[in-house]
């Protein structure tokens, strides 16, 4: 099987395309989080959700789980927030995929085309 040769110029074009994709994604909401479904207990005494054996929880409700720098956060998602959160999570996944592609292109340039690199990155 023949190996595909990727030229330096093609790699540079790919790299700039990835940079433009990243710039476009960063104009949108980006959230590193996940959506989980969870039932809740209420504050009403004697409610079926308070049973010791076989409690029936309220819900299920969608929550956004976000891991911040210092601690984890969780918020209840309304229908409007749910749609926005799903898009922002999807944008984050696309952003990370594009960053990996950019890194691969930079690695290939560094590996095979080191003579064509400029003195300062």
C-alpha atoms as a PDB file:
ATOM      1  CA  UNK A   1       0.000   0.000   0.000  1.00  0.00           C
ATOM      2  CA  UNK A   2       1.251   3.449  -0.935  1.00  0.00           C
ATOM      3  CA  UNK A   3       1.689   6.079   1.779  1.00  0.00           C
ATOM      4  CA  UNK A   4      -0.061   9.374   1.219  1.00  0.00           C
ATOM      5  CA  UNK A   5       2.417  12.256   1.220  1.00  0.00           C
ATOM      6  CA  UNK A   6       1.117  15.431   2.760  1.00  0.00           C
ATOM      7  CA  UNK A   7       2.907  18.547   1.616  1.00  0.00           C
ATOM      8  CA  UNK A   8       3.956  21.381   3.878  1.00  0.00           C
ATOM      9  CA  UNK A   9       1.678  23.850   2.083  1.00  0.00           C
ATOM     10  CA  UNK A  10      -1.317  21.548   2.497  1.00  0.00           C
ATOM     11  CA  UNK A  11      -0.606  21.142   6.215  1.00  0.00           C
ATOM     12  CA  UNK A  12      -0.354  24.914   6.659  1.00  0.00           C
ATOM     13  CA  UNK A  13      -3.686  25.395   4.839  1.00  0.00           C
ATOM     14  CA  UNK A  14      -5.300  22.726   7.042  1.00  0.00           C
ATOM     15  CA  UNK A  15      -3.842  24.377  10.124  1.00  0.00           C
ATOM     16  CA  UNK A  16      -5.295  27.785   9.246  1.00  0.00           C
ATOM     17  CA  UNK A  17      -8.658  26.178   8.467  1.00  0.00           C
ATOM     18  CA  UNK A  18      -8.675  24.643  11.966  1.00  0.00           C
ATOM     19  CA  UNK A  19      -7.747  28.000  13.497  1.00  0.00           C
ATOM     20  CA  UNK A  20     -10.680  29.656  11.680  1.00  0.00           C
ATOM     21  CA  UNK A  21     -13.027  26.865  12.851  1.00  0.00           C
ATOM     22  CA  UNK A  22     -11.876  27.407  16.447  1.00  0.00           C
ATOM     23  CA  UNK A  23     -12.411  31.168  16.130  1.00  0.00           C
ATOM     24  CA  UNK A  24     -15.967  30.584  14.861  1.00  0.00           C
ATOM     25  CA  UNK A  25     -16.760  28.111  17.639  1.00  0.00           C
ATOM     26  CA  UNK A  26     -15.487  30.536  20.281  1.00  0.00           C
ATOM     27  CA  UNK A  27     -18.071  33.086  19.147  1.00  0.00           C
ATOM     28  CA  UNK A  28     -20.732  30.671  20.409  1.00  0.00           C
ATOM     29  CA  UNK A  29     -21.498  29.356  23.883  1.00  0.00           C
ATOM     30  CA  UNK A  30     -19.124  26.599  24.959  1.00  0.00           C
ATOM     31  CA  UNK A  31     -19.698  24.591  28.134  1.00  0.00           C
ATOM     32  CA  UNK A  32     -17.654  21.622  29.371  1.00  0.00           C
ATOM     33  CA  UNK A  33     -20.466  19.791  31.108  1.00  0.00           C
ATOM     34  CA  UNK A  34     -23.009  17.000  30.801  1.00  0.00           C
ATOM     35  CA  UNK A  35     -26.751  16.693  31.116  1.00  0.00           C
ATOM     36  CA  UNK A  36     -28.078  14.121  33.552  1.00  0.00           C
ATOM     37  CA  UNK A  37     -31.598  13.085  34.479  1.00  0.00           C
ATOM     38  CA  UNK A  38     -32.459  12.882  38.161  1.00  0.00           C
ATOM     39  CA  UNK A  39     -35.492  12.462  40.425  1.00  0.00           C
ATOM     40  CA  UNK A  40     -35.987  14.716  43.478  1.00  0.00           C
ATOM     41  CA  UNK A  41     -37.374  14.609  46.991  1.00  0.00           C
ATOM     42  CA  UNK A  42     -39.628  17.483  48.059  1.00  0.00           C
ATOM     43  CA  UNK A  43     -40.070  19.169  51.416  1.00  0.00           C
ATOM     44  CA  UNK A  44     -43.632  17.946  52.091  1.00  0.00           C
ATOM     45  CA  UNK A  45     -44.011  15.695  55.138  1.00  0.00           C
ATOM     46  CA  UNK A  46     -45.528  12.319  54.388  1.00  0.00           C
ATOM     47  CA  UNK A  47     -44.966  12.577  50.628  1.00  0.00           C
ATOM     48  CA  UNK A  48     -44.343   9.328  48.755  1.00  0.00           C
ATOM     49  CA  UNK A  49     -40.837  10.571  47.940  1.00  0.00           C
ATOM     50  CA  UNK A  50     -39.955  10.457  51.664  1.00  0.00           C
ATOM     51  CA  UNK A  51     -40.700   6.728  52.178  1.00  0.00           C
ATOM     52  CA  UNK A  52     -37.867   4.712  53.683  1.00  0.00           C
ATOM     53  CA  UNK A  53     -38.711   1.692  51.538  1.00  0.00           C
ATOM     54  CA  UNK A  54     -39.366   2.146  47.828  1.00  0.00           C
ATOM     55  CA  UNK A  55     -39.636   5.951  47.656  1.00  0.00           C
ATOM     56  CA  UNK A  56     -41.163   7.379  44.472  1.00  0.00           C
ATOM     57  CA  UNK A  57     -39.164  10.447  43.519  1.00  0.00           C
ATOM     58  CA  UNK A  58     -40.557  13.477  41.702  1.00  0.00           C
ATOM     59  CA  UNK A  59     -39.434  13.963  38.140  1.00  0.00           C
ATOM     60  CA  UNK A  60     -37.265  12.926  36.457  1.00  0.00           C
ATOM     61  CA  UNK A  61     -35.765  16.350  35.716  1.00  0.00           C
ATOM     62  CA  UNK A  62     -32.798  17.344  33.544  1.00  0.00           C
ATOM     63  CA  UNK A  63     -29.770  18.864  35.298  1.00  0.00           C
ATOM     64  CA  UNK A  64     -26.592  20.366  33.938  1.00  0.00           C
ATOM     65  CA  UNK A  65     -23.508  19.018  35.731  1.00  0.00           C
ATOM     66  CA  UNK A  66     -20.533  21.330  35.414  1.00  0.00           C
ATOM     67  CA  UNK A  67     -17.083  20.765  36.905  1.00  0.00           C
ATOM     68  CA  UNK A  68     -15.494  24.123  37.616  1.00  0.00           C
ATOM     69  CA  UNK A  69     -11.980  24.918  38.799  1.00  0.00           C
ATOM     70  CA  UNK A  70     -12.756  24.700  42.494  1.00  0.00           C
ATOM     71  CA  UNK A  71     -15.905  22.586  42.732  1.00  0.00           C
ATOM     72  CA  UNK A  72     -18.769  20.930  40.897  1.00  0.00           C
ATOM     73  CA  UNK A  73     -21.971  22.765  40.036  1.00  0.00           C
ATOM     74  CA  UNK A  74     -25.404  21.519  39.088  1.00  0.00           C
ATOM     75  CA  UNK A  75     -28.427  23.471  37.855  1.00  0.00           C
ATOM     76  CA  UNK A  76     -31.966  22.474  36.996  1.00  0.00           C
ATOM     77  CA  UNK A  77     -32.621  22.933  33.289  1.00  0.00           C
ATOM     78  CA  UNK A  78     -35.841  24.481  32.057  1.00  0.00           C
ATOM     79  CA  UNK A  79     -36.837  23.683  28.459  1.00  0.00           C
ATOM     80  CA  UNK A  80     -35.181  26.877  27.225  1.00  0.00           C
ATOM     81  CA  UNK A  81     -32.006  26.258  29.245  1.00  0.00           C
ATOM     82  CA  UNK A  82     -31.977  22.592  28.161  1.00  0.00           C
ATOM     83  CA  UNK A  83     -31.782  23.519  24.466  1.00  0.00           C
ATOM     84  CA  UNK A  84     -29.083  26.144  25.101  1.00  0.00           C
ATOM     85  CA  UNK A  85     -27.045  23.769  27.290  1.00  0.00           C
ATOM     86  CA  UNK A  86     -27.199  20.950  24.724  1.00  0.00           C
ATOM     87  CA  UNK A  87     -25.928  23.271  21.968  1.00  0.00           C
ATOM     88  CA  UNK A  88     -23.138  24.626  24.194  1.00  0.00           C
ATOM     89  CA  UNK A  89     -22.021  21.096  25.129  1.00  0.00           C
ATOM     90  CA  UNK A  90     -22.042  20.109  21.453  1.00  0.00           C
ATOM     91  CA  UNK A  91     -19.967  23.221  20.626  1.00  0.00           C
ATOM     92  CA  UNK A  92     -17.452  22.200  23.298  1.00  0.00           C
ATOM     93  CA  UNK A  93     -17.106  18.727  21.754  1.00  0.00           C
ATOM     94  CA  UNK A  94     -16.594  20.241  18.279  1.00  0.00           C
ATOM     95  CA  UNK A  95     -14.051  22.687  19.700  1.00  0.00           C
ATOM     96  CA  UNK A  96     -12.026  19.938  21.342  1.00  0.00           C
ATOM     97  CA  UNK A  97     -12.106  17.783  18.187  1.00  0.00           C
ATOM     98  CA  UNK A  98     -10.824  20.737  16.169  1.00  0.00           C
ATOM     99  CA  UNK A  99      -8.083  21.498  18.718  1.00  0.00           C
ATOM    100  CA  UNK A 100      -6.906  17.880  18.407  1.00  0.00           C
ATOM    101  CA  UNK A 101      -6.832  18.178  14.594  1.00  0.00           C
ATOM    102  CA  UNK A 102      -4.863  21.424  14.888  1.00  0.00           C
ATOM    103  CA  UNK A 103      -2.423  19.745  17.257  1.00  0.00           C
ATOM    104  CA  UNK A 104      -1.987  16.819  14.836  1.00  0.00           C
ATOM    105  CA  UNK A 105      -1.219  19.221  11.982  1.00  0.00           C
ATOM    106  CA  UNK A 106       1.290  21.142  14.128  1.00  0.00           C
ATOM    107  CA  UNK A 107       2.926  17.879  15.200  1.00  0.00           C
ATOM    108  CA  UNK A 108       3.274  16.713  11.590  1.00  0.00           C
ATOM    109  CA  UNK A 109       4.760  20.061  10.556  1.00  0.00           C
ATOM    110  CA  UNK A 110       7.242  19.909  13.443  1.00  0.00           C
ATOM    111  CA  UNK A 111       8.132  16.291  12.711  1.00  0.00           C
ATOM    112  CA  UNK A 112       8.646  16.392   8.948  1.00  0.00           C
ATOM    113  CA  UNK A 113       9.126  20.018   7.981  1.00  0.00           C
ATOM    114  CA  UNK A 114      11.379  21.406  10.696  1.00  0.00           C
ATOM    115  CA  UNK A 115      13.626  23.153   8.110  1.00  0.00           C
ATOM    116  CA  UNK A 116      10.723  25.306   6.989  1.00  0.00           C
ATOM    117  CA  UNK A 117       9.780  26.466  10.490  1.00  0.00           C
ATOM    118  CA  UNK A 118      10.384  30.089  11.377  1.00  0.00           C
ATOM    119  CA  UNK A 119      12.787  30.958  14.184  1.00  0.00           C
ATOM    120  CA  UNK A 120      10.017  32.106  16.577  1.00  0.00           C
ATOM    121  CA  UNK A 121       6.725  30.208  16.918  1.00  0.00           C
END
